Amino acid sequence: MEVIKLDDVAPDGVRMIIDWGKMSTADSVFIPCLNVKKALKQVEAIFNRRGWKMRVHVSVESNTMGVRIWRIA
């Protein structure tokens, strides 16, 4: 079993490593997933720890369901 680290996301059970430290205001990331609620909960915890604000849009990109998250502050 793979260990999920504090800043990793795994809404569907597959670990995704995102380099949050490189994310600046107005940057966005798309997280492909079916379990949108769990993805949002995990990302919200990461953003809260960092003191960031976010904007979220559930979408289908390149025929893949997921969430696009923007850092807005």
PDB file of N, CA and C in Angstrom:
ATOM      1  N   MET A   1       0.843  -1.190   0.000  1.00  0.00           N
ATOM      2  CA  MET A   1       0.000   0.000   0.000  1.00  0.00           C
ATOM      3  C   MET A   1       0.883   1.247   0.000  1.00  0.00           C
ATOM      4  N   GLU A   2       0.540   2.189  -0.852  1.00  0.00           N
ATOM      5  CA  GLU A   2       1.313   3.416  -0.972  1.00  0.00           C
ATOM      6  C   GLU A   2       0.887   4.413   0.102  1.00  0.00           C
ATOM      7  N   VAL A   3       1.850   5.126   0.649  1.00  0.00           N
ATOM      8  CA  VAL A   3       1.580   6.113   1.693  1.00  0.00           C
ATOM      9  C   VAL A   3       1.172   7.426   1.041  1.00  0.00           C
ATOM     10  N   ILE A   4       0.044   7.979   1.491  1.00  0.00           N
ATOM     11  CA  ILE A   4      -0.425   9.273   1.019  1.00  0.00           C
ATOM     12  C   ILE A   4       0.160  10.339   1.951  1.00  0.00           C
ATOM     13  N   LYS A   5       0.904  11.270   1.385  1.00  0.00           N
ATOM     14  CA  LYS A   5       1.516  12.330   2.185  1.00  0.00           C
ATOM     15  C   LYS A   5       0.531  13.474   2.366  1.00  0.00           C
ATOM     16  N   LEU A   6       0.833  14.352   3.295  1.00  0.00           N
ATOM     17  CA  LEU A   6      -0.069  15.423   3.704  1.00  0.00           C
ATOM     18  C   LEU A   6      -0.549  16.289   2.543  1.00  0.00           C
ATOM     19  N   ASP A   7       0.319  16.603   1.590  1.00  0.00           N
ATOM     20  CA  ASP A   7      -0.058  17.482   0.480  1.00  0.00           C
ATOM     21  C   ASP A   7      -0.386  16.730  -0.814  1.00  0.00           C
ATOM     22  N   ASP A   8      -0.495  15.419  -0.752  1.00  0.00           N
ATOM     23  CA  ASP A   8      -0.920  14.638  -1.905  1.00  0.00           C
ATOM     24  C   ASP A   8      -2.439  14.560  -1.912  1.00  0.00           C
ATOM     25  N   VAL A   9      -3.009  14.303  -3.066  1.00  0.00           N
ATOM     26  CA  VAL A   9      -4.450  14.080  -3.156  1.00  0.00           C
ATOM     27  C   VAL A   9      -4.679  12.693  -3.743  1.00  0.00           C
ATOM     28  N   ALA A  10      -5.747  12.050  -3.306  1.00  0.00           N
ATOM     29  CA  ALA A  10      -6.088  10.715  -3.792  1.00  0.00           C
ATOM     30  C   ALA A  10      -7.591  10.507  -3.688  1.00  0.00           C
ATOM     31  N   PRO A  11      -8.380  11.319  -4.390  1.00  0.00           N
ATOM     32  CA  PRO A  11      -9.830  11.229  -4.232  1.00  0.00           C
ATOM     33  C   PRO A  11     -10.427   9.900  -4.692  1.00  0.00           C
ATOM     34  N   ASP A  12      -9.799   9.249  -5.660  1.00  0.00           N
ATOM     35  CA  ASP A  12     -10.299   7.962  -6.140  1.00  0.00           C
ATOM     36  C   ASP A  12      -9.393   6.810  -5.727  1.00  0.00           C
ATOM     37  N   GLY A  13      -8.483   7.071  -4.782  1.00  0.00           N
ATOM     38  CA  GLY A  13      -7.585   6.032  -4.294  1.00  0.00           C
ATOM     39  C   GLY A  13      -6.258   5.961  -5.024  1.00  0.00           C
ATOM     40  N   VAL A  14      -6.066   6.811  -6.033  1.00  0.00           N
ATOM     41  CA  VAL A  14      -4.802   6.863  -6.766  1.00  0.00           C
ATOM     42  C   VAL A  14      -4.068   8.138  -6.352  1.00  0.00           C
ATOM     43  N   ARG A  15      -2.879   7.968  -5.811  1.00  0.00           N
ATOM     44  CA  ARG A  15      -2.105   9.102  -5.305  1.00  0.00           C
ATOM     45  C   ARG A  15      -1.651  10.009  -6.441  1.00  0.00           C
ATOM     46  N   MET A  16      -1.904  11.318  -6.277  1.00  0.00           N
ATOM     47  CA  MET A  16      -1.425  12.319  -7.215  1.00  0.00           C
ATOM     48  C   MET A  16      -0.542  13.293  -6.456  1.00  0.00           C
ATOM     49  N   ILE A  17       0.650  13.498  -6.969  1.00  0.00           N
ATOM     50  CA  ILE A  17       1.602  14.405  -6.334  1.00  0.00           C
ATOM     51  C   ILE A  17       1.569  15.719  -7.104  1.00  0.00           C
ATOM     52  N   ILE A  18       1.215  16.789  -6.423  1.00  0.00           N
ATOM     53  CA  ILE A  18       1.153  18.111  -7.025  1.00  0.00           C
ATOM     54  C   ILE A  18       2.149  18.993  -6.283  1.00  0.00           C
ATOM     55  N   ASP A  19       2.992  19.686  -7.031  1.00  0.00           N
ATOM     56  CA  ASP A  19       3.988  20.554  -6.417  1.00  0.00           C
ATOM     57  C   ASP A  19       3.325  21.886  -6.064  1.00  0.00           C
ATOM     58  N   TRP A  20       2.620  21.893  -4.926  1.00  0.00           N
ATOM     59  CA  TRP A  20       1.881  23.078  -4.502  1.00  0.00           C
ATOM     60  C   TRP A  20       2.803  24.261  -4.283  1.00  0.00           C
ATOM     61  N   GLY A  21       4.060  24.016  -3.912  1.00  0.00           N
ATOM     62  CA  GLY A  21       5.012  25.088  -3.648  1.00  0.00           C
ATOM     63  C   GLY A  21       5.301  25.958  -4.866  1.00  0.00           C
ATOM     64  N   LYS A  22       5.094  25.425  -6.051  1.00  0.00           N
ATOM     65  CA  LYS A  22       5.315  26.192  -7.281  1.00  0.00           C
ATOM     66  C   LYS A  22       4.071  26.944  -7.727  1.00  0.00           C
ATOM     67  N   MET A  23       2.969  26.779  -7.021  1.00  0.00           N
ATOM     68  CA  MET A  23       1.713  27.396  -7.422  1.00  0.00           C
ATOM     69  C   MET A  23       1.659  28.850  -6.963  1.00  0.00           C
ATOM     70  N   SER A  24       1.457  29.741  -7.934  1.00  0.00           N
ATOM     71  CA  SER A  24       1.334  31.173  -7.649  1.00  0.00           C
ATOM     72  C   SER A  24      -0.122  31.594  -7.806  1.00  0.00           C
ATOM     73  N   THR A  25      -0.442  32.800  -7.344  1.00  0.00           N
ATOM     74  CA  THR A  25      -1.779  33.341  -7.524  1.00  0.00           C
ATOM     75  C   THR A  25      -2.115  33.353  -9.010  1.00  0.00           C
ATOM     76  N   ALA A  26      -3.320  32.919  -9.345  1.00  0.00           N
ATOM     77  CA  ALA A  26      -3.867  32.816 -10.707  1.00  0.00           C
ATOM     78  C   ALA A  26      -3.478  31.520 -11.415  1.00  0.00           C
ATOM     79  N   ASP A  27      -2.614  30.694 -10.817  1.00  0.00           N
ATOM     80  CA  ASP A  27      -2.310  29.383 -11.398  1.00  0.00           C
ATOM     81  C   ASP A  27      -3.468  28.432 -11.129  1.00  0.00           C
ATOM     82  N   SER A  28      -3.578  27.409 -11.977  1.00  0.00           N
ATOM     83  CA  SER A  28      -4.614  26.409 -11.765  1.00  0.00           C
ATOM     84  C   SER A  28      -4.053  25.022 -11.989  1.00  0.00           C
ATOM     85  N   VAL A  29      -4.764  24.044 -11.472  1.00  0.00           N
ATOM     86  CA  VAL A  29      -4.407  22.646 -11.659  1.00  0.00           C
ATOM     87  C   VAL A  29      -5.703  21.868 -11.877  1.00  0.00           C
ATOM     88  N   PHE A  30      -5.646  20.888 -12.780  1.00  0.00           N
ATOM     89  CA  PHE A  30      -6.795  20.012 -13.021  1.00  0.00           C
ATOM     90  C   PHE A  30      -6.517  18.684 -12.343  1.00  0.00           C
ATOM     91  N   ILE A  31      -7.458  18.247 -11.519  1.00  0.00           N
ATOM     92  CA  ILE A  31      -7.339  16.970 -10.832  1.00  0.00           C
ATOM     93  C   ILE A  31      -8.396  16.037 -11.413  1.00  0.00           C
ATOM     94  N   PRO A  32      -7.970  15.056 -12.203  1.00  0.00           N
ATOM     95  CA  PRO A  32      -8.932  14.116 -12.770  1.00  0.00           C
ATOM     96  C   PRO A  32      -9.455  13.189 -11.679  1.00  0.00           C
ATOM     97  N   CYS A  33     -10.786  13.081 -11.572  1.00  0.00           N
ATOM     98  CA  CYS A  33     -11.362  12.223 -10.538  1.00  0.00           C
ATOM     99  C   CYS A  33     -12.857  12.071 -10.759  1.00  0.00           C
ATOM    100  N   LEU A  34     -13.402  11.036 -10.169  1.00  0.00           N
ATOM    101  CA  LEU A  34     -14.847  10.844 -10.134  1.00  0.00           C
ATOM    102  C   LEU A  34     -15.413  11.322  -8.811  1.00  0.00           C
ATOM    103  N   ASN A  35     -14.659  11.137  -7.741  1.00  0.00           N
ATOM    104  CA  ASN A  35     -15.103  11.530  -6.411  1.00  0.00           C
ATOM    105  C   ASN A  35     -14.744  13.000  -6.172  1.00  0.00           C
ATOM    106  N   VAL A  36     -15.550  13.866  -6.770  1.00  0.00           N
ATOM    107  CA  VAL A  36     -15.295  15.307  -6.726  1.00  0.00           C
ATOM    108  C   VAL A  36     -15.356  15.842  -5.299  1.00  0.00           C
ATOM    109  N   LYS A  37     -16.305  15.388  -4.514  1.00  0.00           N
ATOM    110  CA  LYS A  37     -16.431  15.877  -3.133  1.00  0.00           C
ATOM    111  C   LYS A  37     -15.178  15.587  -2.316  1.00  0.00           C
ATOM    112  N   LYS A  38     -14.632  14.388  -2.474  1.00  0.00           N
ATOM    113  CA  LYS A  38     -13.422  14.028  -1.726  1.00  0.00           C
ATOM    114  C   LYS A  38     -12.232  14.849  -2.214  1.00  0.00           C
ATOM    115  N   ALA A  39     -12.133  15.071  -3.521  1.00  0.00           N
ATOM    116  CA  ALA A  39     -11.049  15.896  -4.066  1.00  0.00           C
ATOM    117  C   ALA A  39     -11.111  17.303  -3.475  1.00  0.00           C
ATOM    118  N   LEU A  40     -12.299  17.879  -3.461  1.00  0.00           N
ATOM    119  CA  LEU A  40     -12.456  19.233  -2.931  1.00  0.00           C
ATOM    120  C   LEU A  40     -12.104  19.293  -1.451  1.00  0.00           C
ATOM    121  N   LYS A  41     -12.493  18.290  -0.704  1.00  0.00           N
ATOM    122  CA  LYS A  41     -12.184  18.242   0.728  1.00  0.00           C
ATOM    123  C   LYS A  41     -10.670  18.173   0.948  1.00  0.00           C
ATOM    124  N   GLN A  42      -9.990  17.343   0.162  1.00  0.00           N
ATOM    125  CA  GLN A  42      -8.541  17.207   0.306  1.00  0.00           C
ATOM    126  C   GLN A  42      -7.824  18.499  -0.084  1.00  0.00           C
ATOM    127  N   VAL A  43      -8.219  19.101  -1.200  1.00  0.00           N
ATOM    128  CA  VAL A  43      -7.571  20.332  -1.658  1.00  0.00           C
ATOM    129  C   VAL A  43      -7.879  21.486  -0.703  1.00  0.00           C
ATOM    130  N   GLU A  44      -9.090  21.542  -0.203  1.00  0.00           N
ATOM    131  CA  GLU A  44      -9.451  22.594   0.747  1.00  0.00           C
ATOM    132  C   GLU A  44      -8.553  22.532   1.989  1.00  0.00           C
ATOM    133  N   ALA A  45      -8.265  21.336   2.473  1.00  0.00           N
ATOM    134  CA  ALA A  45      -7.381  21.181   3.634  1.00  0.00           C
ATOM    135  C   ALA A  45      -5.974  21.682   3.324  1.00  0.00           C
ATOM    136  N   ILE A  46      -5.488  21.378   2.122  1.00  0.00           N
ATOM    137  CA  ILE A  46      -4.158  21.839   1.714  1.00  0.00           C
ATOM    138  C   ILE A  46      -4.119  23.362   1.633  1.00  0.00           C
ATOM    139  N   PHE A  47      -5.132  23.943   0.999  1.00  0.00           N
ATOM    140  CA  PHE A  47      -5.176  25.402   0.843  1.00  0.00           C
ATOM    141  C   PHE A  47      -5.322  26.089   2.195  1.00  0.00           C
ATOM    142  N   ASN A  48      -6.113  25.537   3.084  1.00  0.00           N
ATOM    143  CA  ASN A  48      -6.264  26.121   4.425  1.00  0.00           C
ATOM    144  C   ASN A  48      -4.948  26.105   5.189  1.00  0.00           C
ATOM    145  N   ARG A  49      -4.203  25.005   5.098  1.00  0.00           N
ATOM    146  CA  ARG A  49      -2.899  24.922   5.785  1.00  0.00           C
ATOM    147  C   ARG A  49      -1.937  25.978   5.264  1.00  0.00           C
ATOM    148  N   ARG A  50      -2.031  26.297   3.984  1.00  0.00           N
ATOM    149  CA  ARG A  50      -1.127  27.264   3.365  1.00  0.00           C
ATOM    150  C   ARG A  50      -1.653  28.700   3.447  1.00  0.00           C
ATOM    151  N   GLY A  51      -2.890  28.871   3.908  1.00  0.00           N
ATOM    152  CA  GLY A  51      -3.473  30.205   4.011  1.00  0.00           C
ATOM    153  C   GLY A  51      -3.872  30.774   2.659  1.00  0.00           C
ATOM    154  N   TRP A  52      -4.175  29.908   1.706  1.00  0.00           N
ATOM    155  CA  TRP A  52      -4.550  30.314   0.354  1.00  0.00           C
ATOM    156  C   TRP A  52      -6.059  30.266   0.182  1.00  0.00           C
ATOM    157  N   LYS A  53      -6.545  30.998  -0.802  1.00  0.00           N
ATOM    158  CA  LYS A  53      -7.960  30.930  -1.187  1.00  0.00           C
ATOM    159  C   LYS A  53      -8.029  30.304  -2.577  1.00  0.00           C
ATOM    160  N   MET A  54      -9.172  29.674  -2.876  1.00  0.00           N
ATOM    161  CA  MET A  54      -9.284  28.988  -4.152  1.00  0.00           C
ATOM    162  C   MET A  54     -10.628  29.207  -4.806  1.00  0.00           C
ATOM    163  N   ARG A  55     -10.631  28.992  -6.095  1.00  0.00           N
ATOM    164  CA  ARG A  55     -11.855  28.964  -6.893  1.00  0.00           C
ATOM    165  C   ARG A  55     -11.883  27.596  -7.549  1.00  0.00           C
ATOM    166  N   VAL A  56     -13.063  26.974  -7.572  1.00  0.00           N
ATOM    167  CA  VAL A  56     -13.183  25.603  -8.054  1.00  0.00           C
ATOM    168  C   VAL A  56     -14.239  25.514  -9.138  1.00  0.00           C
ATOM    169  N   HIS A  57     -13.963  24.677 -10.132  1.00  0.00           N
ATOM    170  CA  HIS A  57     -14.941  24.414 -11.183  1.00  0.00           C
ATOM    171  C   HIS A  57     -14.895  22.923 -11.517  1.00  0.00           C
ATOM    172  N   VAL A  58     -16.007  22.238 -11.329  1.00  0.00           N
ATOM    173  CA  VAL A  58     -16.105  20.833 -11.728  1.00  0.00           C
ATOM    174  C   VAL A  58     -16.286  20.815 -13.235  1.00  0.00           C
ATOM    175  N   SER A  59     -15.460  20.028 -13.923  1.00  0.00           N
ATOM    176  CA  SER A  59     -15.510  20.063 -15.383  1.00  0.00           C
ATOM    177  C   SER A  59     -15.067  18.745 -15.998  1.00  0.00           C
ATOM    178  N   VAL A  60     -15.288  18.666 -17.301  1.00  0.00           N
ATOM    179  CA  VAL A  60     -14.773  17.566 -18.105  1.00  0.00           C
ATOM    180  C   VAL A  60     -13.772  18.182 -19.076  1.00  0.00           C
ATOM    181  N   GLU A  61     -12.525  17.727 -18.988  1.00  0.00           N
ATOM    182  CA  GLU A  61     -11.467  18.234 -19.858  1.00  0.00           C
ATOM    183  C   GLU A  61     -10.833  17.052 -20.577  1.00  0.00           C
ATOM    184  N   SER A  62     -10.751  17.133 -21.890  1.00  0.00           N
ATOM    185  CA  SER A  62     -10.210  16.031 -22.712  1.00  0.00           C
ATOM    186  C   SER A  62     -10.908  14.714 -22.390  1.00  0.00           C
ATOM    187  N   ASN A  63     -12.221  14.790 -22.276  1.00  0.00           N
ATOM    188  CA  ASN A  63     -13.071  13.623 -21.986  1.00  0.00           C
ATOM    189  C   ASN A  63     -12.798  12.996 -20.617  1.00  0.00           C
ATOM    190  N   THR A  64     -12.258  13.785 -19.682  1.00  0.00           N
ATOM    191  CA  THR A  64     -11.959  13.291 -18.347  1.00  0.00           C
ATOM    192  C   THR A  64     -12.637  14.178 -17.315  1.00  0.00           C
ATOM    193  N   MET A  65     -13.419  13.544 -16.432  1.00  0.00           N
ATOM    194  CA  MET A  65     -14.111  14.260 -15.350  1.00  0.00           C
ATOM    195  C   MET A  65     -13.112  14.633 -14.268  1.00  0.00           C
ATOM    196  N   GLY A  66     -13.326  15.793 -13.661  1.00  0.00           N
ATOM    197  CA  GLY A  66     -12.462  16.207 -12.564  1.00  0.00           C
ATOM    198  C   GLY A  66     -12.792  17.594 -12.070  1.00  0.00           C
ATOM    199  N   VAL A  67     -11.856  18.178 -11.351  1.00  0.00           N
ATOM    200  CA  VAL A  67     -12.031  19.539 -10.840  1.00  0.00           C
ATOM    201  C   VAL A  67     -10.827  20.384 -11.232  1.00  0.00           C
ATOM    202  N   ARG A  68     -11.087  21.599 -11.648  1.00  0.00           N
ATOM    203  CA  ARG A  68     -10.024  22.580 -11.904  1.00  0.00           C
ATOM    204  C   ARG A  68     -10.038  23.527 -10.729  1.00  0.00           C
ATOM    205  N   ILE A  69      -8.866  23.740 -10.148  1.00  0.00           N
ATOM    206  CA  ILE A  69      -8.727  24.571  -8.963  1.00  0.00           C
ATOM    207  C   ILE A  69      -7.756  25.700  -9.267  1.00  0.00           C
ATOM    208  N   TRP A  70      -8.183  26.932  -8.994  1.00  0.00           N
ATOM    209  CA  TRP A  70      -7.343  28.109  -9.164  1.00  0.00           C
ATOM    210  C   TRP A  70      -6.945  28.630  -7.800  1.00  0.00           C
ATOM    211  N   ARG A  71      -5.720  29.042  -7.662  1.00  0.00           N
ATOM    212  CA  ARG A  71      -5.299  29.784  -6.465  1.00  0.00           C
ATOM    213  C   ARG A  71      -5.607  31.241  -6.732  1.00  0.00           C
ATOM    214  N   ILE A  72      -6.475  31.834  -5.908  1.00  0.00           N
ATOM    215  CA  ILE A  72      -6.871  33.230  -6.140  1.00  0.00           C
ATOM    216  C   ILE A  72      -6.262  34.198  -5.139  1.00  0.00           C
ATOM    217  N   ALA A  73      -5.664  33.714  -4.088  1.00  0.00           N
ATOM    218  CA  ALA A  73      -4.977  34.584  -3.117  1.00  0.00           C
ATOM    219  C   ALA A  73      -4.076  33.754  -2.228  1.00  0.00           C
TER     220      ALA A  73
END
